[in-house]
């Protein structure tokens, strides 16, 4: 009986130690990484929303419409009144054509980790 309790205690202790090691590994990897700006990514508040979108052609963006709906995809093309998003998240074979005046906000990734 004592031997069974001892083995059980050792097993539990090993499981806890292994769990802690695996939980700490990602934190150490991120701690060693440096956050850097992604080249060519910027907003210019002096420009229109359309002009800012033109600088993001080929980049992934999140577009929040005035209705509250958010779409995410790659900016393929920006015209005077419309934006063409391709490869929508969750709908890889779908594109969207959105009126720029219906966009309330855009989000894009400007920083990344450098290892």
N, C-alpha and C. Protein backbone atom coordinates (compact mmCIF):
# COMPACT_ATOMS: atom_id res chain seq x y z
N UNK A 1 0.83 -1.19 0.00
CA UNK A 1 0.00 0.00 0.00
C UNK A 1 0.87 1.25 0.00
N UNK A 2 1.95 1.25 0.84
CA UNK A 2 2.83 2.41 0.89
C UNK A 2 3.52 2.62 -0.45
N UNK A 3 3.90 1.50 -1.09
CA UNK A 3 4.59 1.59 -2.38
C UNK A 3 3.68 2.20 -3.44
N UNK A 4 2.41 1.85 -3.42
CA UNK A 4 1.44 2.39 -4.38
C UNK A 4 1.25 3.88 -4.17
N UNK A 5 1.17 4.31 -2.89
CA UNK A 5 1.03 5.74 -2.59
C UNK A 5 2.27 6.51 -3.04
N UNK A 6 3.43 5.90 -2.81
CA UNK A 6 4.69 6.54 -3.19
C UNK A 6 4.76 6.71 -4.71
N UNK A 7 4.40 5.66 -5.45
CA UNK A 7 4.42 5.74 -6.91
C UNK A 7 3.40 6.77 -7.41
N UNK A 8 2.26 6.82 -6.78
CA UNK A 8 1.23 7.78 -7.16
C UNK A 8 1.72 9.21 -6.91
N UNK A 9 2.36 9.42 -5.76
CA UNK A 9 2.87 10.75 -5.44
C UNK A 9 3.97 11.18 -6.41
N UNK A 10 4.85 10.25 -6.75
CA UNK A 10 5.94 10.55 -7.70
C UNK A 10 5.34 10.87 -9.07
N UNK A 11 4.33 10.12 -9.47
CA UNK A 11 3.68 10.36 -10.77
C UNK A 11 3.03 11.73 -10.83
N UNK A 12 2.36 12.10 -9.76
CA UNK A 12 1.70 13.41 -9.71
C UNK A 12 2.74 14.53 -9.74
N UNK A 13 3.81 14.34 -8.97
CA UNK A 13 4.88 15.33 -8.94
C UNK A 13 5.52 15.50 -10.32
N UNK A 14 5.78 14.39 -11.01
CA UNK A 14 6.34 14.45 -12.37
C UNK A 14 5.39 15.17 -13.32
N UNK A 15 4.11 14.89 -13.22
CA UNK A 15 3.12 15.55 -14.09
C UNK A 15 3.11 17.05 -13.85
N UNK A 16 3.20 17.48 -12.59
CA UNK A 16 3.20 18.90 -12.27
C UNK A 16 4.46 19.57 -12.81
N UNK A 17 5.62 18.94 -12.62
CA UNK A 17 6.88 19.52 -13.11
C UNK A 17 6.86 19.63 -14.62
N UNK A 18 6.42 18.57 -15.30
CA UNK A 18 6.36 18.61 -16.77
C UNK A 18 5.41 19.70 -17.26
N UNK A 19 4.26 19.84 -16.60
CA UNK A 19 3.30 20.87 -16.99
C UNK A 19 3.90 22.26 -16.84
N UNK A 20 4.59 22.49 -15.74
CA UNK A 20 5.22 23.80 -15.52
C UNK A 20 6.28 24.10 -16.58
N UNK A 21 7.07 23.09 -16.93
CA UNK A 21 8.11 23.29 -17.94
C UNK A 21 7.48 23.66 -19.28
N UNK A 22 6.44 22.94 -19.68
CA UNK A 22 5.80 23.22 -20.96
C UNK A 22 5.08 24.56 -20.97
N UNK A 23 4.55 24.97 -19.85
CA UNK A 23 3.87 26.26 -19.77
C UNK A 23 4.86 27.42 -19.82
N UNK A 24 6.06 27.21 -19.31
CA UNK A 24 7.05 28.28 -19.25
C UNK A 24 7.84 28.44 -20.55
N UNK A 25 7.91 27.40 -21.38
CA UNK A 25 8.69 27.47 -22.62
C UNK A 25 8.23 28.58 -23.56
N UNK A 26 6.94 28.71 -23.86
CA UNK A 26 6.52 29.81 -24.74
C UNK A 26 6.84 31.18 -24.17
N UNK A 27 6.71 31.36 -22.88
CA UNK A 27 6.99 32.65 -22.25
C UNK A 27 8.47 33.00 -22.41
N UNK A 28 9.34 32.02 -22.26
CA UNK A 28 10.77 32.26 -22.43
C UNK A 28 11.10 32.59 -23.88
N UNK A 29 10.43 31.93 -24.82
CA UNK A 29 10.68 32.19 -26.23
C UNK A 29 10.27 33.62 -26.59
N UNK A 30 9.13 34.08 -26.08
CA UNK A 30 8.66 35.43 -26.34
C UNK A 30 9.56 36.44 -25.64
N UNK A 31 10.00 36.12 -24.42
CA UNK A 31 10.86 37.05 -23.67
C UNK A 31 12.17 37.30 -24.41
N UNK A 32 12.67 36.31 -25.15
CA UNK A 32 13.91 36.47 -25.89
C UNK A 32 13.72 37.19 -27.22
N UNK A 33 12.48 37.35 -27.65
CA UNK A 33 12.20 37.99 -28.92
C UNK A 33 12.09 39.50 -28.73
N UNK A 34 12.40 40.22 -29.78
CA UNK A 34 12.33 41.68 -29.77
C UNK A 34 11.20 42.12 -30.68
N UNK A 35 10.42 43.09 -30.25
CA UNK A 35 9.32 43.62 -31.06
C UNK A 35 9.90 44.66 -32.02
N UNK A 36 9.62 44.47 -33.32
CA UNK A 36 10.13 45.40 -34.33
C UNK A 36 8.98 45.83 -35.25
N UNK A 37 9.12 47.00 -35.82
CA UNK A 37 8.13 47.51 -36.77
C UNK A 37 8.24 46.73 -38.08
N UNK A 38 7.10 46.47 -38.71
CA UNK A 38 7.08 45.82 -40.01
C UNK A 38 7.32 46.88 -41.07
N UNK A 39 8.31 46.66 -41.88
CA UNK A 39 8.71 47.65 -42.89
C UNK A 39 7.57 47.93 -43.86
N UNK A 40 7.36 49.20 -44.13
CA UNK A 40 6.34 49.63 -45.08
C UNK A 40 4.94 49.73 -44.51
N UNK A 41 4.78 49.46 -43.23
CA UNK A 41 3.46 49.52 -42.61
C UNK A 41 3.33 50.81 -41.80
N UNK A 42 2.37 51.65 -42.18
CA UNK A 42 2.12 52.87 -41.43
C UNK A 42 0.78 53.46 -41.84
N UNK A 43 0.23 54.25 -40.95
CA UNK A 43 -0.95 55.05 -41.25
C UNK A 43 -0.50 56.49 -41.36
N UNK A 44 -1.24 57.29 -42.12
CA UNK A 44 -0.99 58.71 -42.20
C UNK A 44 -2.33 59.41 -41.94
N UNK A 45 -2.45 60.03 -40.77
CA UNK A 45 -3.73 60.65 -40.39
C UNK A 45 -4.06 61.87 -41.25
N UNK A 46 -3.11 62.37 -42.00
CA UNK A 46 -3.36 63.49 -42.90
C UNK A 46 -3.99 63.04 -44.21
N UNK A 47 -4.01 61.74 -44.46
CA UNK A 47 -4.57 61.18 -45.70
C UNK A 47 -5.99 60.69 -45.45
N UNK A 48 -6.72 60.47 -46.52
CA UNK A 48 -8.06 59.90 -46.42
C UNK A 48 -7.97 58.42 -46.09
N UNK A 49 -9.10 57.85 -45.71
CA UNK A 49 -9.15 56.42 -45.43
C UNK A 49 -8.76 55.62 -46.67
N UNK A 50 -9.24 56.06 -47.82
CA UNK A 50 -8.90 55.39 -49.08
C UNK A 50 -7.41 55.41 -49.36
N UNK A 51 -6.76 56.55 -49.13
CA UNK A 51 -5.32 56.64 -49.36
C UNK A 51 -4.54 55.75 -48.38
N UNK A 52 -5.00 55.68 -47.14
CA UNK A 52 -4.37 54.79 -46.17
C UNK A 52 -4.54 53.34 -46.61
N UNK A 53 -5.71 52.99 -47.13
CA UNK A 53 -5.93 51.62 -47.61
C UNK A 53 -5.04 51.31 -48.81
N UNK A 54 -4.79 52.29 -49.67
CA UNK A 54 -3.93 52.06 -50.83
C UNK A 54 -2.51 51.68 -50.41
N UNK A 55 -2.07 52.20 -49.27
CA UNK A 55 -0.72 51.85 -48.79
C UNK A 55 -0.68 50.43 -48.22
N UNK A 56 -1.84 49.81 -48.05
CA UNK A 56 -1.92 48.46 -47.48
C UNK A 56 -2.24 47.39 -48.51
N UNK A 57 -2.15 47.71 -49.80
CA UNK A 57 -2.41 46.73 -50.85
C UNK A 57 -1.45 45.55 -50.67
N UNK A 58 -2.02 44.34 -50.70
CA UNK A 58 -1.24 43.13 -50.51
C UNK A 58 -1.09 42.70 -49.06
N UNK A 59 -1.58 43.52 -48.14
CA UNK A 59 -1.47 43.24 -46.70
C UNK A 59 -2.81 42.78 -46.15
N UNK A 60 -2.75 42.04 -45.05
CA UNK A 60 -3.96 41.60 -44.37
C UNK A 60 -4.48 42.72 -43.49
N UNK A 61 -5.78 42.98 -43.57
CA UNK A 61 -6.41 44.01 -42.76
C UNK A 61 -7.73 43.50 -42.19
N UNK A 62 -8.15 44.13 -41.12
CA UNK A 62 -9.49 43.93 -40.55
C UNK A 62 -10.25 45.21 -40.83
N UNK A 63 -11.39 45.08 -41.49
CA UNK A 63 -12.22 46.23 -41.84
C UNK A 63 -13.50 46.15 -41.03
N UNK A 64 -13.75 47.16 -40.20
CA UNK A 64 -14.98 47.21 -39.43
C UNK A 64 -15.93 48.20 -40.11
N UNK A 65 -17.09 47.70 -40.45
CA UNK A 65 -18.08 48.53 -41.14
C UNK A 65 -18.90 49.31 -40.12
N UNK A 66 -19.56 50.36 -40.59
CA UNK A 66 -20.42 51.16 -39.72
C UNK A 66 -21.53 50.31 -39.11
N UNK A 67 -21.91 49.22 -39.76
CA UNK A 67 -22.94 48.32 -39.24
C UNK A 67 -22.45 47.51 -38.05
N UNK A 68 -21.12 47.50 -37.82
CA UNK A 68 -20.54 46.72 -36.73
C UNK A 68 -19.90 45.42 -37.19
N UNK A 69 -20.18 45.00 -38.42
CA UNK A 69 -19.60 43.76 -38.96
C UNK A 69 -18.13 43.98 -39.29
N UNK A 70 -17.30 42.97 -39.01
CA UNK A 70 -15.88 43.05 -39.33
C UNK A 70 -15.52 41.98 -40.34
N UNK A 71 -14.80 42.39 -41.37
CA UNK A 71 -14.29 41.47 -42.39
C UNK A 71 -12.77 41.52 -42.36
N UNK A 72 -12.15 40.39 -42.65
CA UNK A 72 -10.70 40.33 -42.66
C UNK A 72 -10.23 39.63 -43.92
N UNK A 73 -9.24 40.22 -44.56
CA UNK A 73 -8.69 39.63 -45.77
C UNK A 73 -7.54 40.47 -46.29
N UNK A 74 -7.07 40.12 -47.47
CA UNK A 74 -5.97 40.85 -48.10
C UNK A 74 -6.53 41.96 -48.97
N UNK A 75 -5.93 43.14 -48.88
CA UNK A 75 -6.35 44.26 -49.73
C UNK A 75 -5.80 43.99 -51.13
N UNK A 76 -6.70 43.76 -52.07
CA UNK A 76 -6.28 43.49 -53.45
C UNK A 76 -6.19 44.79 -54.24
N UNK A 77 -7.22 45.64 -54.08
CA UNK A 77 -7.25 46.88 -54.87
C UNK A 77 -8.12 47.90 -54.15
N UNK A 78 -7.76 49.17 -54.32
CA UNK A 78 -8.53 50.27 -53.74
C UNK A 78 -8.82 51.28 -54.83
N UNK A 79 -10.11 51.57 -55.02
CA UNK A 79 -10.52 52.56 -56.00
C UNK A 79 -10.94 53.84 -55.30
N UNK A 80 -11.64 54.70 -56.03
CA UNK A 80 -12.10 55.96 -55.45
C UNK A 80 -13.18 55.75 -54.40
N UNK A 81 -14.04 54.73 -54.61
CA UNK A 81 -15.17 54.53 -53.70
C UNK A 81 -15.26 53.12 -53.14
N UNK A 82 -14.45 52.19 -53.68
CA UNK A 82 -14.57 50.79 -53.29
C UNK A 82 -13.21 50.20 -52.92
N UNK A 83 -13.25 49.19 -52.05
CA UNK A 83 -12.06 48.40 -51.72
C UNK A 83 -12.39 46.93 -52.03
N UNK A 84 -11.43 46.24 -52.63
CA UNK A 84 -11.58 44.82 -52.94
C UNK A 84 -10.73 44.03 -51.94
N UNK A 85 -11.39 43.27 -51.06
CA UNK A 85 -10.70 42.37 -50.13
C UNK A 85 -10.76 40.97 -50.71
N UNK A 86 -9.63 40.26 -50.72
CA UNK A 86 -9.63 38.89 -51.22
C UNK A 86 -9.23 37.92 -50.11
N UNK A 87 -9.54 36.64 -50.33
CA UNK A 87 -9.19 35.57 -49.39
C UNK A 87 -9.68 35.90 -47.98
N UNK A 88 -10.97 36.14 -47.87
CA UNK A 88 -11.57 36.47 -46.58
C UNK A 88 -11.30 35.37 -45.56
N UNK A 89 -11.00 35.76 -44.34
CA UNK A 89 -10.77 34.79 -43.26
C UNK A 89 -12.00 33.91 -43.10
N UNK A 90 -11.76 32.61 -43.06
CA UNK A 90 -12.85 31.66 -42.89
C UNK A 90 -13.62 31.40 -44.17
N UNK A 91 -13.30 32.13 -45.22
CA UNK A 91 -13.98 31.98 -46.52
C UNK A 91 -12.95 32.17 -47.62
N UNK A 92 -11.94 31.30 -47.66
CA UNK A 92 -10.79 31.48 -48.54
C UNK A 92 -11.13 31.65 -50.02
N UNK A 93 -12.27 31.17 -50.46
CA UNK A 93 -12.61 31.27 -51.87
C UNK A 93 -13.54 32.45 -52.15
N UNK A 94 -13.71 33.32 -51.16
CA UNK A 94 -14.61 34.46 -51.30
C UNK A 94 -13.83 35.77 -51.24
N UNK A 95 -14.32 36.76 -51.96
CA UNK A 95 -13.80 38.12 -51.93
C UNK A 95 -14.94 39.04 -51.51
N UNK A 96 -14.61 40.27 -51.16
CA UNK A 96 -15.63 41.25 -50.80
C UNK A 96 -15.32 42.57 -51.49
N UNK A 97 -16.34 43.24 -51.91
CA UNK A 97 -16.25 44.58 -52.48
C UNK A 97 -16.99 45.49 -51.53
N UNK A 98 -16.29 46.43 -50.92
CA UNK A 98 -16.84 47.25 -49.83
C UNK A 98 -16.78 48.72 -50.20
N UNK A 99 -17.86 49.44 -49.93
CA UNK A 99 -17.85 50.89 -50.13
C UNK A 99 -17.01 51.54 -49.04
N UNK A 100 -16.05 52.34 -49.42
CA UNK A 100 -15.14 52.97 -48.46
C UNK A 100 -15.91 53.84 -47.47
N UNK A 101 -16.96 54.51 -47.91
CA UNK A 101 -17.70 55.40 -47.00
C UNK A 101 -18.46 54.62 -45.92
N UNK A 102 -18.57 53.28 -46.05
CA UNK A 102 -19.23 52.47 -45.04
C UNK A 102 -18.24 51.88 -44.03
N UNK A 103 -16.96 52.20 -44.18
CA UNK A 103 -15.93 51.68 -43.27
C UNK A 103 -15.79 52.61 -42.08
N UNK A 104 -15.90 52.04 -40.88
CA UNK A 104 -15.73 52.82 -39.65
C UNK A 104 -14.30 52.76 -39.14
N UNK A 105 -13.60 51.66 -39.40
CA UNK A 105 -12.23 51.51 -38.90
C UNK A 105 -11.50 50.42 -39.69
N UNK A 106 -10.17 50.55 -39.73
CA UNK A 106 -9.33 49.50 -40.29
C UNK A 106 -8.25 49.16 -39.28
N UNK A 107 -7.87 47.90 -39.26
CA UNK A 107 -6.80 47.44 -38.38
C UNK A 107 -5.82 46.63 -39.21
N UNK A 108 -4.53 46.79 -38.92
CA UNK A 108 -3.49 46.04 -39.61
C UNK A 108 -2.35 45.78 -38.64
N UNK A 109 -1.61 44.74 -38.88
CA UNK A 109 -0.47 44.39 -38.02
C UNK A 109 0.73 45.25 -38.40
N UNK A 110 1.24 46.01 -37.44
CA UNK A 110 2.35 46.93 -37.68
C UNK A 110 3.64 46.48 -37.02
N UNK A 111 3.55 45.55 -36.08
CA UNK A 111 4.74 45.10 -35.35
C UNK A 111 4.76 43.58 -35.29
N UNK A 112 5.97 43.03 -35.16
CA UNK A 112 6.13 41.59 -35.08
C UNK A 112 7.31 41.27 -34.19
N UNK A 113 7.47 40.02 -33.85
CA UNK A 113 8.61 39.59 -33.06
C UNK A 113 9.78 39.27 -33.96
N UNK A 114 10.97 39.68 -33.53
CA UNK A 114 12.20 39.32 -34.23
C UNK A 114 12.97 38.41 -33.27
N UNK A 115 13.31 37.25 -33.76
CA UNK A 115 14.00 36.27 -32.88
C UNK A 115 15.50 36.35 -33.04
